[in-house]
Structures are given as C-alpha cells and as structure tokens.
mmCIF file of all heavy atoms, coordinates in Angstrom:
data_MODEL
# 
_entry.id   MODEL 
# 
loop_
_atom_site.group_PDB 
_atom_site.id 
_atom_site.type_symbol 
_atom_site.label_atom_id 
_atom_site.label_alt_id 
_atom_site.label_comp_id 
_atom_site.label_asym_id 
_atom_site.label_entity_id 
_atom_site.label_seq_id 
_atom_site.pdbx_PDB_ins_code 
_atom_site.Cartn_x 
_atom_site.Cartn_y 
_atom_site.Cartn_z 
_atom_site.occupancy 
_atom_site.B_iso_or_equiv 
_atom_site.pdbx_formal_charge 
_atom_site.auth_seq_id 
_atom_site.auth_comp_id 
_atom_site.auth_asym_id 
_atom_site.auth_atom_id 
_atom_site.pdbx_PDB_model_num 
ATOM 1   N N   . ILE A 1 1  ? 0.870   -1.213  -0.009 1.00 0.00 ? 1  ILE A N   1 
ATOM 2   C CA  . ILE A 1 1  ? 0.004   0.019   0.020  1.00 0.00 ? 1  ILE A CA  1 
ATOM 3   C C   . ILE A 1 1  ? 0.888   1.247   0.007  1.00 0.00 ? 1  ILE A C   1 
ATOM 4   O O   . ILE A 1 1  ? 1.880   1.237   0.674  1.00 0.00 ? 1  ILE A O   1 
ATOM 5   C CB  . ILE A 1 1  ? -0.922  0.065   1.254  1.00 0.00 ? 1  ILE A CB  1 
ATOM 6   C CG1 . ILE A 1 1  ? -1.923  -1.094  1.171  1.00 0.00 ? 1  ILE A CG1 1 
ATOM 7   C CG2 . ILE A 1 1  ? -1.588  1.377   1.387  1.00 0.00 ? 1  ILE A CG2 1 
ATOM 8   C CD1 . ILE A 1 1  ? -2.854  -1.137  2.432  1.00 0.00 ? 1  ILE A CD1 1 
ATOM 9   N N   . ASN A 1 2  ? 0.466   2.245   -0.734 1.00 0.00 ? 2  ASN A N   1 
ATOM 10  C CA  . ASN A 1 2  ? 1.071   3.573   -0.714 1.00 0.00 ? 2  ASN A CA  1 
ATOM 11  C C   . ASN A 1 2  ? 0.097   4.560   -0.155 1.00 0.00 ? 2  ASN A C   1 
ATOM 12  O O   . ASN A 1 2  ? -1.044  4.665   -0.736 1.00 0.00 ? 2  ASN A O   1 
ATOM 13  C CB  . ASN A 1 2  ? 1.618   4.018   -2.117 1.00 0.00 ? 2  ASN A CB  1 
ATOM 14  C CG  . ASN A 1 2  ? 2.617   3.049   -2.696 1.00 0.00 ? 2  ASN A CG  1 
ATOM 15  O OD1 . ASN A 1 2  ? 2.486   2.453   -3.718 1.00 0.00 ? 2  ASN A OD1 1 
ATOM 16  N ND2 . ASN A 1 2  ? 3.711   2.893   -1.961 1.00 0.00 ? 2  ASN A ND2 1 
ATOM 17  N N   . VAL A 1 3  ? 0.491   5.372   0.836  1.00 0.00 ? 3  VAL A N   1 
ATOM 18  C CA  . VAL A 1 3  ? -0.329  6.392   1.325  1.00 0.00 ? 3  VAL A CA  1 
ATOM 19  C C   . VAL A 1 3  ? 0.326   7.761   0.877  1.00 0.00 ? 3  VAL A C   1 
ATOM 20  O O   . VAL A 1 3  ? 1.450   8.061   1.150  1.00 0.00 ? 3  VAL A O   1 
ATOM 21  C CB  . VAL A 1 3  ? -0.405  6.402   2.842  1.00 0.00 ? 3  VAL A CB  1 
ATOM 22  C CG1 . VAL A 1 3  ? -1.307  7.465   3.371  1.00 0.00 ? 3  VAL A CG1 1 
ATOM 23  C CG2 . VAL A 1 3  ? -0.915  5.027   3.335  1.00 0.00 ? 3  VAL A CG2 1 
ATOM 24  N N   . SER A 1 4  ? -0.441  8.547   0.096  1.00 0.00 ? 4  SER A N   1 
ATOM 25  C CA  . SER A 1 4  ? 0.131   9.633   -0.662 1.00 0.00 ? 4  SER A CA  1 
ATOM 26  C C   . SER A 1 4  ? 0.435   10.939  0.240  1.00 0.00 ? 4  SER A C   1 
ATOM 27  O O   . SER A 1 4  ? 1.419   11.568  -0.094 1.00 0.00 ? 4  SER A O   1 
ATOM 28  C CB  . SER A 1 4  ? -0.822  10.050  -1.783 1.00 0.00 ? 4  SER A CB  1 
ATOM 29  O OG  . SER A 1 4  ? -1.030  8.962   -2.654 1.00 0.00 ? 4  SER A OG  1 
ATOM 30  N N   . ASN A 1 5  ? -0.381  11.225  1.173  1.00 0.00 ? 5  ASN A N   1 
ATOM 31  C CA  . ASN A 1 5  ? -0.253  12.571  1.740  1.00 0.00 ? 5  ASN A CA  1 
ATOM 32  C C   . ASN A 1 5  ? -0.444  12.543  3.247  1.00 0.00 ? 5  ASN A C   1 
ATOM 33  O O   . ASN A 1 5  ? -1.212  13.319  3.817  1.00 0.00 ? 5  ASN A O   1 
ATOM 34  C CB  . ASN A 1 5  ? -1.320  13.471  1.150  1.00 0.00 ? 5  ASN A CB  1 
ATOM 35  C CG  . ASN A 1 5  ? -1.000  14.901  1.407  1.00 0.00 ? 5  ASN A CG  1 
ATOM 36  O OD1 . ASN A 1 5  ? 0.081   15.396  1.550  1.00 0.00 ? 5  ASN A OD1 1 
ATOM 37  N ND2 . ASN A 1 5  ? -2.156  15.745  1.448  1.00 0.00 ? 5  ASN A ND2 1 
ATOM 38  N N   . SER A 1 6  ? 0.259   11.685  3.942  1.00 0.00 ? 6  SER A N   1 
ATOM 39  C CA  . SER A 1 6  ? 0.077   11.573  5.401  1.00 0.00 ? 6  SER A CA  1 
ATOM 40  C C   . SER A 1 6  ? 1.394   11.149  6.031  1.00 0.00 ? 6  SER A C   1 
ATOM 41  O O   . SER A 1 6  ? 2.022   10.258  5.504  1.00 0.00 ? 6  SER A O   1 
ATOM 42  C CB  . SER A 1 6  ? -1.089  10.627  5.723  1.00 0.00 ? 6  SER A CB  1 
ATOM 43  O OG  . SER A 1 6  ? -1.152  10.532  7.131  1.00 0.00 ? 6  SER A OG  1 
ATOM 44  N N   . TRP A 1 7  ? 1.723   11.669  7.135  1.00 0.00 ? 7  TRP A N   1 
ATOM 45  C CA  . TRP A 1 7  ? 2.859   11.260  7.888  1.00 0.00 ? 7  TRP A CA  1 
ATOM 46  C C   . TRP A 1 7  ? 2.423   9.947   8.707  1.00 0.00 ? 7  TRP A C   1 
ATOM 47  O O   . TRP A 1 7  ? 3.340   9.190   9.057  1.00 0.00 ? 7  TRP A O   1 
ATOM 48  C CB  . TRP A 1 7  ? 3.283   12.293  8.908  1.00 0.00 ? 7  TRP A CB  1 
ATOM 49  C CG  . TRP A 1 7  ? 2.231   12.673  9.815  1.00 0.00 ? 7  TRP A CG  1 
ATOM 50  C CD1 . TRP A 1 7  ? 1.270   13.701  9.625  1.00 0.00 ? 7  TRP A CD1 1 
ATOM 51  C CD2 . TRP A 1 7  ? 1.941   12.117  11.069 1.00 0.00 ? 7  TRP A CD2 1 
ATOM 52  N NE1 . TRP A 1 7  ? 0.421   13.739  10.759 1.00 0.00 ? 7  TRP A NE1 1 
ATOM 53  C CE2 . TRP A 1 7  ? 0.771   12.801  11.646 1.00 0.00 ? 7  TRP A CE2 1 
ATOM 54  C CE3 . TRP A 1 7  ? 2.495   11.082  11.828 1.00 0.00 ? 7  TRP A CE3 1 
ATOM 55  C CZ2 . TRP A 1 7  ? 0.189   12.428  12.868 1.00 0.00 ? 7  TRP A CZ2 1 
ATOM 56  C CZ3 . TRP A 1 7  ? 1.870   10.707  13.105 1.00 0.00 ? 7  TRP A CZ3 1 
ATOM 57  C CH2 . TRP A 1 7  ? 0.774   11.438  13.561 1.00 0.00 ? 7  TRP A CH2 1 
ATOM 58  N N   . ASN A 1 8  ? 1.114   9.742   8.802  1.00 0.00 ? 8  ASN A N   1 
ATOM 59  C CA  . ASN A 1 8  ? 0.721   8.544   9.610  1.00 0.00 ? 8  ASN A CA  1 
ATOM 60  C C   . ASN A 1 8  ? 0.436   7.417   8.713  1.00 0.00 ? 8  ASN A C   1 
ATOM 61  O O   . ASN A 1 8  ? -0.463  7.359   7.926  1.00 0.00 ? 8  ASN A O   1 
ATOM 62  C CB  . ASN A 1 8  ? -0.570  8.912   10.371 1.00 0.00 ? 8  ASN A CB  1 
ATOM 63  C CG  . ASN A 1 8  ? -0.978  7.808   11.363 1.00 0.00 ? 8  ASN A CG  1 
ATOM 64  O OD1 . ASN A 1 8  ? -0.421  6.745   11.276 1.00 0.00 ? 8  ASN A OD1 1 
ATOM 65  N ND2 . ASN A 1 8  ? -1.941  8.161   12.248 1.00 0.00 ? 8  ASN A ND2 1 
ATOM 66  N N   . THR A 1 9  ? 1.305   6.371   8.715  1.00 0.00 ? 9  THR A N   1 
ATOM 67  C CA  . THR A 1 9  ? 1.195   5.235   7.869  1.00 0.00 ? 9  THR A CA  1 
ATOM 68  C C   . THR A 1 9  ? 0.753   4.011   8.633  1.00 0.00 ? 9  THR A C   1 
ATOM 69  O O   . THR A 1 9  ? 0.799   2.885   8.230  1.00 0.00 ? 9  THR A O   1 
ATOM 70  C CB  . THR A 1 9  ? 2.593   4.853   7.234  1.00 0.00 ? 9  THR A CB  1 
ATOM 71  O OG1 . THR A 1 9  ? 3.481   4.635   8.311  1.00 0.00 ? 9  THR A OG1 1 
ATOM 72  C CG2 . THR A 1 9  ? 3.067   6.006   6.354  1.00 0.00 ? 9  THR A CG2 1 
ATOM 73  N N   . SER A 1 10 ? 0.198   4.237   9.845  1.00 0.00 ? 10 SER A N   1 
ATOM 74  C CA  . SER A 1 10 ? -0.187  3.080   10.677 1.00 0.00 ? 10 SER A CA  1 
ATOM 75  C C   . SER A 1 10 ? -1.712  2.747   10.513 1.00 0.00 ? 10 SER A C   1 
ATOM 76  O O   . SER A 1 10 ? -2.168  1.885   11.197 1.00 0.00 ? 10 SER A O   1 
ATOM 77  C CB  . SER A 1 10 ? 0.117   3.385   12.156 1.00 0.00 ? 10 SER A CB  1 
ATOM 78  O OG  . SER A 1 10 ? -0.594  4.571   12.539 1.00 0.00 ? 10 SER A OG  1 
ATOM 79  N N   . TYR A 1 11 ? -2.428  3.477   9.652  1.00 0.00 ? 11 TYR A N   1 
ATOM 80  C CA  . TYR A 1 11 ? -3.880  3.209   9.461  1.00 0.00 ? 11 TYR A CA  1 
ATOM 81  C C   . TYR A 1 11 ? -3.942  1.669   9.037  1.00 0.00 ? 11 TYR A C   1 
ATOM 82  O O   . TYR A 1 11 ? -3.209  1.156   8.257  1.00 0.00 ? 11 TYR A O   1 
ATOM 83  C CB  . TYR A 1 11 ? -4.425  4.021   8.356  1.00 0.00 ? 11 TYR A CB  1 
ATOM 84  C CG  . TYR A 1 11 ? -4.512  5.466   8.623  1.00 0.00 ? 11 TYR A CG  1 
ATOM 85  C CD1 . TYR A 1 11 ? -4.122  6.352   7.662  1.00 0.00 ? 11 TYR A CD1 1 
ATOM 86  C CD2 . TYR A 1 11 ? -4.999  5.962   9.846  1.00 0.00 ? 11 TYR A CD2 1 
ATOM 87  C CE1 . TYR A 1 11 ? -4.073  7.738   7.896  1.00 0.00 ? 11 TYR A CE1 1 
ATOM 88  C CE2 . TYR A 1 11 ? -5.046  7.266   10.116 1.00 0.00 ? 11 TYR A CE2 1 
ATOM 89  C CZ  . TYR A 1 11 ? -4.603  8.216   9.138  1.00 0.00 ? 11 TYR A CZ  1 
ATOM 90  O OH  . TYR A 1 11 ? -4.614  9.508   9.402  1.00 0.00 ? 11 TYR A OH  1 
ATOM 91  N N   . GLY A 1 12 ? -4.931  1.049   9.648  1.00 0.00 ? 12 GLY A N   1 
ATOM 92  C CA  . GLY A 1 12 ? -5.230  -0.364  9.231  1.00 0.00 ? 12 GLY A CA  1 
ATOM 93  C C   . GLY A 1 12 ? -6.313  -0.297  8.163  1.00 0.00 ? 12 GLY A C   1 
ATOM 94  O O   . GLY A 1 12 ? -7.442  0.043   8.389  1.00 0.00 ? 12 GLY A O   1 
ATOM 95  N N   . HIS A 1 13 ? -5.931  -0.611  6.888  1.00 0.00 ? 13 HIS A N   1 
ATOM 96  C CA  . HIS A 1 13 ? -6.894  -0.614  5.807  1.00 0.00 ? 13 HIS A CA  1 
ATOM 97  C C   . HIS A 1 13 ? -7.295  -2.017  5.520  1.00 0.00 ? 13 HIS A C   1 
ATOM 98  O O   . HIS A 1 13 ? -6.726  -3.031  6.003  1.00 0.00 ? 13 HIS A O   1 
ATOM 99  C CB  . HIS A 1 13 ? -6.272  0.011   4.563  1.00 0.00 ? 13 HIS A CB  1 
ATOM 100 C CG  . HIS A 1 13 ? -5.685  1.364   4.861  1.00 0.00 ? 13 HIS A CG  1 
ATOM 101 N ND1 . HIS A 1 13 ? -6.424  2.429   5.344  1.00 0.00 ? 13 HIS A ND1 1 
ATOM 102 C CD2 . HIS A 1 13 ? -4.387  1.854   4.740  1.00 0.00 ? 13 HIS A CD2 1 
ATOM 103 C CE1 . HIS A 1 13 ? -5.606  3.532   5.492  1.00 0.00 ? 13 HIS A CE1 1 
ATOM 104 N NE2 . HIS A 1 13 ? -4.402  3.197   5.133  1.00 0.00 ? 13 HIS A NE2 1 
ATOM 105 N N   . GLU A 1 14 ? -8.325  -2.232  4.740  1.00 0.00 ? 14 GLU A N   1 
ATOM 106 C CA  . GLU A 1 14 ? -8.858  -3.549  4.476  1.00 0.00 ? 14 GLU A CA  1 
ATOM 107 C C   . GLU A 1 14 ? -9.107  -3.811  2.974  1.00 0.00 ? 14 GLU A C   1 
ATOM 108 O O   . GLU A 1 14 ? -9.531  -2.948  2.196  1.00 0.00 ? 14 GLU A O   1 
ATOM 109 C CB  . GLU A 1 14 ? -10.130 -3.745  5.258  1.00 0.00 ? 14 GLU A CB  1 
ATOM 110 C CG  . GLU A 1 14 ? -9.962  -3.736  6.838  1.00 0.00 ? 14 GLU A CG  1 
ATOM 111 C CD  . GLU A 1 14 ? -11.217 -3.895  7.535  1.00 0.00 ? 14 GLU A CD  1 
ATOM 112 O OE1 . GLU A 1 14 ? -12.351 -3.669  6.923  1.00 0.00 ? 14 GLU A OE1 1 
ATOM 113 O OE2 . GLU A 1 14 ? -11.180 -4.299  8.731  1.00 0.00 ? 14 GLU A OE2 1 
ATOM 114 N N   . ILE A 1 15 ? -8.974  -5.149  2.693  1.00 0.00 ? 15 ILE A N   1 
ATOM 115 C CA  . ILE A 1 15 ? -9.459  -5.609  1.346  1.00 0.00 ? 15 ILE A CA  1 
ATOM 116 C C   . ILE A 1 15 ? -10.637 -6.570  1.779  1.00 0.00 ? 15 ILE A C   1 
ATOM 117 O O   . ILE A 1 15 ? -10.490 -7.527  2.401  1.00 0.00 ? 15 ILE A O   1 
ATOM 118 C CB  . ILE A 1 15 ? -8.359  -6.428  0.683  1.00 0.00 ? 15 ILE A CB  1 
ATOM 119 C CG1 . ILE A 1 15 ? -7.089  -5.610  0.453  1.00 0.00 ? 15 ILE A CG1 1 
ATOM 120 C CG2 . ILE A 1 15 ? -8.944  -7.075  -0.667 1.00 0.00 ? 15 ILE A CG2 1 
ATOM 121 C CD1 . ILE A 1 15 ? -5.947  -6.453  -0.042 1.00 0.00 ? 15 ILE A CD1 1 
ATOM 122 N N   . TRP A 1 16 ? -11.840 -6.132  1.235  1.00 0.00 ? 16 TRP A N   1 
ATOM 123 C CA  . TRP A 1 16 ? -12.992 -6.933  1.488  1.00 0.00 ? 16 TRP A CA  1 
ATOM 124 C C   . TRP A 1 16 ? -13.271 -7.865  0.309  1.00 0.00 ? 16 TRP A C   1 
ATOM 125 O O   . TRP A 1 16 ? -13.275 -7.464  -0.864 1.00 0.00 ? 16 TRP A O   1 
ATOM 126 C CB  . TRP A 1 16 ? -14.263 -6.022  1.706  1.00 0.00 ? 16 TRP A CB  1 
ATOM 127 C CG  . TRP A 1 16 ? -14.160 -5.189  2.903  1.00 0.00 ? 16 TRP A CG  1 
ATOM 128 C CD1 . TRP A 1 16 ? -13.130 -5.131  3.797  1.00 0.00 ? 16 TRP A CD1 1 
ATOM 129 C CD2 . TRP A 1 16 ? -15.113 -4.319  3.375  1.00 0.00 ? 16 TRP A CD2 1 
ATOM 130 N NE1 . TRP A 1 16 ? -13.414 -4.228  4.815  1.00 0.00 ? 16 TRP A NE1 1 
ATOM 131 C CE2 . TRP A 1 16 ? -14.652 -3.688  4.576  1.00 0.00 ? 16 TRP A CE2 1 
ATOM 132 C CE3 . TRP A 1 16 ? -16.403 -3.917  2.923  1.00 0.00 ? 16 TRP A CE3 1 
ATOM 133 C CZ2 . TRP A 1 16 ? -15.383 -2.780  5.303  1.00 0.00 ? 16 TRP A CZ2 1 
ATOM 134 C CZ3 . TRP A 1 16 ? -17.094 -2.954  3.702  1.00 0.00 ? 16 TRP A CZ3 1 
ATOM 135 C CH2 . TRP A 1 16 ? -16.636 -2.457  4.882  1.00 0.00 ? 16 TRP A CH2 1 
ATOM 136 N N   . VAL A 1 17 ? -13.557 -9.180  0.588  1.00 0.00 ? 17 VAL A N   1 
ATOM 137 C CA  . VAL A 1 17 ? -13.914 -10.089 -0.434 1.00 0.00 ? 17 VAL A CA  1 
ATOM 138 C C   . VAL A 1 17 ? -15.393 -10.342 -0.369 1.00 0.00 ? 17 VAL A C   1 
ATOM 139 O O   . VAL A 1 17 ? -15.909 -10.754 0.708  1.00 0.00 ? 17 VAL A O   1 
ATOM 140 C CB  . VAL A 1 17 ? -13.163 -11.401 -0.285 1.00 0.00 ? 17 VAL A CB  1 
ATOM 141 C CG1 . VAL A 1 17 ? -13.493 -12.479 -1.334 1.00 0.00 ? 17 VAL A CG1 1 
ATOM 142 C CG2 . VAL A 1 17 ? -11.640 -11.164 -0.229 1.00 0.00 ? 17 VAL A CG2 1 
ATOM 143 N N   . LEU A 1 18 ? -16.080 -10.037 -1.446 1.00 0.00 ? 18 LEU A N   1 
ATOM 144 C CA  . LEU A 1 18 ? -17.533 -10.157 -1.504 1.00 0.00 ? 18 LEU A CA  1 
ATOM 145 C C   . LEU A 1 18 ? -17.892 -11.552 -2.054 1.00 0.00 ? 18 LEU A C   1 
ATOM 146 O O   . LEU A 1 18 ? -17.167 -12.202 -2.782 1.00 0.00 ? 18 LEU A O   1 
ATOM 147 C CB  . LEU A 1 18 ? -18.167 -9.075  -2.259 1.00 0.00 ? 18 LEU A CB  1 
ATOM 148 C CG  . LEU A 1 18 ? -17.734 -7.622  -2.011 1.00 0.00 ? 18 LEU A CG  1 
ATOM 149 C CD1 . LEU A 1 18 ? -18.466 -6.623  -2.849 1.00 0.00 ? 18 LEU A CD1 1 
ATOM 150 C CD2 . LEU A 1 18 ? -17.939 -7.327  -0.492 1.00 0.00 ? 18 LEU A CD2 1 
ATOM 151 N N   . SER A 1 19 ? -19.127 -11.903 -1.776 1.00 0.00 ? 19 SER A N   1 
ATOM 152 C CA  . SER A 1 19 ? -19.736 -13.093 -2.393 1.00 0.00 ? 19 SER A CA  1 
ATOM 153 C C   . SER A 1 19 ? -19.862 -12.876 -3.902 1.00 0.00 ? 19 SER A C   1 
ATOM 154 O O   . SER A 1 19 ? -19.957 -11.747 -4.296 1.00 0.00 ? 19 SER A O   1 
ATOM 155 C CB  . SER A 1 19 ? -21.070 -13.436 -1.800 1.00 0.00 ? 19 SER A CB  1 
ATOM 156 O OG  . SER A 1 19 ? -21.995 -12.401 -2.029 1.00 0.00 ? 19 SER A OG  1 
ATOM 157 N N   . ARG A 1 20 ? -19.923 -14.003 -4.617 1.00 0.00 ? 20 ARG A N   1 
ATOM 158 C CA  . ARG A 1 20 ? -19.969 -13.810 -6.091 1.00 0.00 ? 20 ARG A CA  1 
ATOM 159 C C   . ARG A 1 20 ? -21.252 -13.052 -6.591 1.00 0.00 ? 20 ARG A C   1 
ATOM 160 O O   . ARG A 1 20 ? -21.217 -12.400 -7.603 1.00 0.00 ? 20 ARG A O   1 
ATOM 161 C CB  . ARG A 1 20 ? -19.934 -15.226 -6.746 1.00 0.00 ? 20 ARG A CB  1 
ATOM 162 C CG  . ARG A 1 20 ? -18.703 -15.942 -6.541 1.00 0.00 ? 20 ARG A CG  1 
ATOM 163 C CD  . ARG A 1 20 ? -17.546 -15.286 -7.217 1.00 0.00 ? 20 ARG A CD  1 
ATOM 164 N NE  . ARG A 1 20 ? -16.250 -16.013 -7.046 1.00 0.00 ? 20 ARG A NE  1 
ATOM 165 C CZ  . ARG A 1 20 ? -15.703 -16.783 -7.976 1.00 0.00 ? 20 ARG A CZ  1 
ATOM 166 N NH1 . ARG A 1 20 ? -16.312 -17.068 -9.052 1.00 0.00 ? 20 ARG A NH1 1 
ATOM 167 N NH2 . ARG A 1 20 ? -14.573 -17.347 -7.718 1.00 0.00 ? 20 ARG A NH2 1 
ATOM 168 N N   . ASP A 1 21 ? -22.308 -13.128 -5.786 1.00 0.00 ? 21 ASP A N   1 
ATOM 169 C CA  . ASP A 1 21 ? -23.500 -12.362 -6.127 1.00 0.00 ? 21 ASP A CA  1 
ATOM 170 C C   . ASP A 1 21 ? -23.611 -11.075 -5.451 1.00 0.00 ? 21 ASP A C   1 
ATOM 171 O O   . ASP A 1 21 ? -24.558 -10.273 -5.564 1.00 0.00 ? 21 ASP A O   1 
ATOM 172 C CB  . ASP A 1 21 ? -24.747 -13.223 -5.787 1.00 0.00 ? 21 ASP A CB  1 
ATOM 173 C CG  . ASP A 1 21 ? -24.835 -13.547 -4.262 1.00 0.00 ? 21 ASP A CG  1 
ATOM 174 O OD1 . ASP A 1 21 ? -23.973 -12.971 -3.520 1.00 0.00 ? 21 ASP A OD1 1 
ATOM 175 O OD2 . ASP A 1 21 ? -25.782 -14.279 -3.837 1.00 0.00 ? 21 ASP A OD2 1 
ATOM 176 N N   . LEU A 1 22 ? -22.476 -10.619 -4.726 1.00 0.00 ? 22 LEU A N   1 
ATOM 177 C CA  . LEU A 1 22 ? -22.427 -9.340  -4.078 1.00 0.00 ? 22 LEU A CA  1 
ATOM 178 C C   . LEU A 1 22 ? -23.498 -9.113  -2.991 1.00 0.00 ? 22 LEU A C   1 
ATOM 179 O O   . LEU A 1 22 ? -23.805 -8.008  -2.656 1.00 0.00 ? 22 LEU A O   1 
ATOM 180 C CB  . LEU A 1 22 ? -22.539 -8.209  -5.116 1.00 0.00 ? 22 LEU A CB  1 
ATOM 181 C CG  . LEU A 1 22 ? -21.620 -8.170  -6.280 1.00 0.00 ? 22 LEU A CG  1 
ATOM 182 C CD1 . LEU A 1 22 ? -21.873 -6.937  -7.138 1.00 0.00 ? 22 LEU A CD1 1 
ATOM 183 C CD2 . LEU A 1 22 ? -20.148 -8.197  -5.746 1.00 0.00 ? 22 LEU A CD2 1 
ATOM 184 N N   . ARG A 1 23 ? -23.955 -10.240 -2.386 1.00 0.00 ? 23 ARG A N   1 
ATOM 185 C CA  . ARG A 1 23 ? -25.003 -10.140 -1.433 1.00 0.00 ? 23 ARG A CA  1 
ATOM 186 C C   . ARG A 1 23 ? -24.434 -9.915  0.002  1.00 0.00 ? 23 ARG A C   1 
ATOM 187 O O   . ARG A 1 23 ? -25.133 -9.450  0.909  1.00 0.00 ? 23 ARG A O   1 
ATOM 188 C CB  . ARG A 1 23 ? -25.859 -11.402 -1.467 1.00 0.00 ? 23 ARG A CB  1 
ATOM 189 C CG  . ARG A 1 23 ? -26.581 -11.719 -2.817 1.00 0.00 ? 23 ARG A CG  1 
ATOM 190 C CD  . ARG A 1 23 ? -27.457 -10.693 -3.186 1.00 0.00 ? 23 ARG A CD  1 
ATOM 191 N NE  . ARG A 1 23 ? -28.572 -10.386 -2.318 1.00 0.00 ? 23 ARG A NE  1 
ATOM 192 C CZ  . ARG A 1 23 ? -29.462 -9.478  -2.442 1.00 0.00 ? 23 ARG A CZ  1 
ATOM 193 N NH1 . ARG A 1 23 ? -29.434 -8.655  -3.504 1.00 0.00 ? 23 ARG A NH1 1 
ATOM 194 N NH2 . ARG A 1 23 ? -30.465 -9.323  -1.587 1.00 0.00 ? 23 ARG A NH2 1 
ATOM 195 N N   . TYR A 1 24 ? -23.224 -10.340 0.146  1.00 0.00 ? 24 TYR A N   1 
ATOM 196 C CA  . TYR A 1 24 ? -22.701 -10.239 1.556  1.00 0.00 ? 24 TYR A CA  1 
ATOM 197 C C   . TYR A 1 24 ? -21.119 -10.141 1.459  1.00 0.00 ? 24 TYR A C   1 
ATOM 198 O O   . TYR A 1 24 ? -20.477 -10.435 0.429  1.00 0.00 ? 24 TYR A O   1 
ATOM 199 C CB  . TYR A 1 24 ? -23.097 -11.355 2.483  1.00 0.00 ? 24 TYR A CB  1 
ATOM 200 C CG  . TYR A 1 24 ? -22.660 -12.690 1.946  1.00 0.00 ? 24 TYR A CG  1 
ATOM 201 C CD1 . TYR A 1 24 ? -21.444 -13.245 2.311  1.00 0.00 ? 24 TYR A CD1 1 
ATOM 202 C CD2 . TYR A 1 24 ? -23.530 -13.443 1.115  1.00 0.00 ? 24 TYR A CD2 1 
ATOM 203 C CE1 . TYR A 1 24 ? -21.031 -14.500 1.825  1.00 0.00 ? 24 TYR A CE1 1 
ATOM 204 C CE2 . TYR A 1 24 ? -23.171 -14.711 0.642  1.00 0.00 ? 24 TYR A CE2 1 
ATOM 205 C CZ  . TYR A 1 24 ? -21.930 -15.172 1.022  1.00 0.00 ? 24 TYR A CZ  1 
ATOM 206 O OH  . TYR A 1 24 ? -21.547 -16.437 0.577  1.00 0.00 ? 24 TYR A OH  1 
ATOM 207 N N   . ILE A 1 25 ? -20.547 -9.743  2.578  1.00 0.00 ? 25 ILE A N   1 
ATOM 208 C CA  . ILE A 1 25 ? -19.026 -9.639  2.728  1.00 0.00 ? 25 ILE A CA  1 
ATOM 209 C C   . ILE A 1 25 ? -18.578 -11.010 3.219  1.00 0.00 ? 25 ILE A C   1 
ATOM 210 O O   . ILE A 1 25 ? -18.899 -11.467 4.277  1.00 0.00 ? 25 ILE A O   1 
ATOM 211 C CB  . ILE A 1 25 ? -18.543 -8.543  3.634  1.00 0.00 ? 25 ILE A CB  1 
ATOM 212 C CG1 . ILE A 1 25 ? -19.040 -7.177  3.116  1.00 0.00 ? 25 ILE A CG1 1 
ATOM 213 C CG2 . ILE A 1 25 ? -17.056 -8.570  3.765  1.00 0.00 ? 25 ILE A CG2 1 
ATOM 214 C CD1 . ILE A 1 25 ? -18.763 -6.066  4.126  1.00 0.00 ? 25 ILE A CD1 1 
# 
C-alpha cells in the first residue's frame, strides 16, 4: 500500500472479499 499525503502510515486498511452475487461480505 502507498499512502500519498500523510505522515501517519499506521492506518489499518482492508481488502473486502464479497460473495460472487455481491449479497454479503
């Protein structure tokens, strides 16, 4: 991950995988 404009790089970001029909995470 690249964070463009912040000195704080400790944010916890997420990749969400959805169901094939997009009905739920």
